[in-house]
C-alpha atoms as a PDB file:
ATOM      1  CA  MET A   1      88.077 122.987  82.337  1.00  0.00           C
ATOM      2  CA  ASP A   2      90.497 123.435  85.249  1.00  0.00           C
ATOM      3  CA  ASP A   3      94.278 123.766  84.954  1.00  0.00           C
ATOM      4  CA  THR A   4      94.863 120.055  85.494  1.00  0.00           C
ATOM      5  CA  GLY A   5      92.424 119.193  82.718  1.00  0.00           C
ATOM      6  CA  ARG A   6      94.112 121.654  80.373  1.00  0.00           C
ATOM      7  CA  ARG A   7      97.540 120.222  81.198  1.00  0.00           C
ATOM      8  CA  ALA A   8      96.330 116.680  80.571  1.00  0.00           C
ATOM      9  CA  GLN A   9      94.728 117.732  77.287  1.00  0.00           C
ATOM     10  CA  ALA A  10      97.941 119.471  76.224  1.00  0.00           C
ATOM     11  CA  ALA A  11      99.883 116.310  77.050  1.00  0.00           C
ATOM     12  CA  ARG A  12      97.555 114.245  74.877  1.00  0.00           C
ATOM     13  CA  GLU A  13      97.842 116.697  71.976  1.00  0.00           C
ATOM     14  CA  GLY A  14     101.622 117.029  72.258  1.00  0.00           C
ATOM     15  CA  SER A  15     103.563 114.180  73.753  1.00  0.00           C
ATOM     16  CA  PRO A  16     101.534 111.682  75.748  1.00  0.00           C
ATOM     17  CA  PHE A  17     104.540 111.189  78.057  1.00  0.00           C
ATOM     18  CA  LEU A  18     104.923 113.293  81.181  1.00  0.00           C
ATOM     19  CA  THR A  19     108.019 113.690  83.310  1.00  0.00           C
ATOM     20  CA  ALA A  20     107.906 112.564  86.924  1.00  0.00           C
ATOM     21  CA  LYS A  21     107.465 116.163  88.084  1.00  0.00           C
ATOM     22  CA  GLN A  22     104.615 116.752  85.626  1.00  0.00           C
ATOM     23  CA  THR A  23     103.019 113.470  86.693  1.00  0.00           C
ATOM     24  CA  ALA A  24     103.248 114.340  90.374  1.00  0.00           C
ATOM     25  CA  TYR A  25     101.679 117.732  89.670  1.00  0.00           C
ATOM     26  CA  HIS A  26      98.918 116.132  87.600  1.00  0.00           C
ATOM     27  CA  LEU A  27      98.116 113.682  90.409  1.00  0.00           C
ATOM     28  CA  GLY A  28      98.388 116.325  93.112  1.00  0.00           C
ATOM     29  CA  ILE A  29     101.092 114.481  95.041  1.00  0.00           C
ATOM     30  CA  ALA A  30     104.666 115.334  95.946  1.00  0.00           C
ATOM     31  CA  TYR A  31     107.439 114.337  93.563  1.00  0.00           C
ATOM     32  CA  THR A  32     109.070 112.349  96.378  1.00  0.00           C
ATOM     33  CA  THR A  33     105.805 110.464  96.961  1.00  0.00           C
ATOM     34  CA  LEU A  34     105.673 109.510  93.274  1.00  0.00           C
ATOM     35  CA  LYS A  35     109.302 108.392  93.464  1.00  0.00           C
ATOM     36  CA  ASP A  36     108.513 106.238  96.519  1.00  0.00           C
ATOM     37  CA  LEU A  37     105.512 104.711  94.727  1.00  0.00           C
ATOM     38  CA  ARG A  38     107.722 103.898  91.725  1.00  0.00           C
ATOM     39  CA  THR A  39     110.399 102.355  93.954  1.00  0.00           C
ATOM     40  CA  ARG A  40     107.812 100.162  95.724  1.00  0.00           C
ATOM     41  CA  GLY A  41     106.176  99.227  92.424  1.00  0.00           C
ATOM     42  CA  THR A  42     102.791 100.565  93.518  1.00  0.00           C
ATOM     43  CA  GLY A  43     102.588 103.721  91.421  1.00  0.00           C
ATOM     44  CA  PRO A  44     101.510 104.318  87.854  1.00  0.00           C
ATOM     45  CA  LYS A  45     103.212 102.281  85.168  1.00  0.00           C
ATOM     46  CA  CYS A  46     106.290 104.126  83.934  1.00  0.00           C
ATOM     47  CA  ARG A  47     109.064 103.816  81.383  1.00  0.00           C
ATOM     48  CA  LYS A  48     112.652 104.899  81.420  1.00  0.00           C
ATOM     49  CA  HIS A  49     113.574 106.952  78.364  1.00  0.00           C
ATOM     50  CA  GLY A  50     117.320 107.433  78.550  1.00  0.00           C
ATOM     51  CA  ARG A  51     117.967 108.590  82.111  1.00  0.00           C
ATOM     52  CA  THR A  52     114.487 110.025  82.629  1.00  0.00           C
ATOM     53  CA  TRP A  53     111.400 108.258  83.914  1.00  0.00           C
ATOM     54  CA  ARG A  54     108.313 108.998  81.790  1.00  0.00           C
ATOM     55  CA  TYR A  55     104.669 108.324  82.504  1.00  0.00           C
ATOM     56  CA  HIS A  56     102.123 107.864  79.730  1.00  0.00           C
ATOM     57  CA  ILE A  57      98.982 109.898  80.375  1.00  0.00           C
ATOM     58  CA  ASP A  58      96.770 106.825  79.822  1.00  0.00           C
ATOM     59  CA  ASP A  59      98.753 104.840  82.424  1.00  0.00           C
ATOM     60  CA  ILE A  60      98.432 107.714  84.903  1.00  0.00           C
ATOM     61  CA  GLU A  61      94.676 107.911  84.378  1.00  0.00           C
ATOM     62  CA  ALA A  62      94.268 104.119  84.610  1.00  0.00           C
ATOM     63  CA  TRP A  63      96.258 103.986  87.864  1.00  0.00           C
ATOM     64  CA  SER A  64      94.253 106.844  89.316  1.00  0.00           C
ATOM     65  CA  ALA A  65      90.928 105.289  88.292  1.00  0.00           C
ATOM     66  CA  GLY A  66      91.971 101.990  89.861  1.00  0.00           C
ATOM     67  CA  ARG A  67      92.433 103.730  93.206  1.00  0.00           C
ATOM     68  CA  SER A  68      88.936 105.204  93.371  1.00  0.00           C
ATOM     69  CA  ILE A  69      86.347 104.047  95.868  1.00  0.00           C
ATOM     70  CA  GLY A  70      82.634 104.600  95.859  1.00  0.00           C
ATOM     71  CA  GLY A  71      79.494 102.936  94.691  1.00  0.00           C
ATOM     72  CA  ASP A  72      79.829  99.222  95.420  1.00  0.00           C
ATOM     73  CA  GLN A  73      83.629  99.193  95.379  1.00  0.00           C
ATOM     74  CA  GLY A  74      85.384  98.965  98.692  1.00  0.00           C
ATOM     75  CA  ARG A  75      82.304  98.037 100.713  1.00  0.00           C
ATOM     76  CA  GLY A  76      82.601  95.344 103.336  1.00  0.00           C
ATOM     77  CA  ASN A  77      86.300  95.731 104.081  1.00  0.00           C
ATOM     78  CA  HIS A  78      85.866  99.223 105.536  1.00  0.00           C
ATOM     79  CA  SER A  79      83.002  98.431 107.895  1.00  0.00           C
ATOM     80  CA  GLY A  80      85.075  96.547 110.434  1.00  0.00           C
ATOM     81  CA  ASP A  81      82.771  93.504 110.133  1.00  0.00           C
ATOM     82  CA  LYS A  82      84.978  90.434 110.238  1.00  0.00           C
ATOM     83  CA  SER A  83      82.155  87.918 110.647  1.00  0.00           C
ATOM     84  CA  GLY A  84      82.735  86.545 107.144  1.00  0.00           C
ATOM     85  CA  ALA A  85      86.332  85.624 107.928  1.00  0.00           C
ATOM     86  CA  ALA A  86      85.432  82.899 110.438  1.00  0.00           C
ATOM     87  CA  ALA A  87      82.759  81.479 108.162  1.00  0.00           C
ATOM     88  CA  LYS A  88      85.345  80.974 105.427  1.00  0.00           C
ATOM     89  CA  ARG A  89      87.653  78.973 107.684  1.00  0.00           C
ATOM     90  CA  PRO A  90      87.164  75.227 107.644  1.00  0.00           C
ATOM     91  CA  GLY A  91      85.167  74.335 110.710  1.00  0.00           C
ATOM     92  CA  GLY A  92      83.874  77.884 111.257  1.00  0.00           C
ATOM     93  CA  ARG A  93      84.469  79.331 114.723  1.00  0.00           C
ATOM     94  CA  HIS A  94      84.821  75.916 116.292  1.00  0.00           C
ATOM     95  CA  GLY A  95      87.705  74.718 114.107  1.00  0.00           C
END
């Protein structure tokens, strides 16, 4: 198990809540990036405990899993093929 896995396991065994700095480290992103994601409402679900933002390990993992691509996910939109867009418009290409 790598260091990240050990840290996540320790979080589950101790407190399931990580600080913003611990969360950023766990995700492999900068603290400022995590703060920007929180401000925009696009990051992992978080809670404010007193004056400190906390992230539950399950919410971090769920957010991360939701951002994965591969298999059948994400296909079609990345190919540059926009032929389906015109077909969905009323009247097709002639409308």
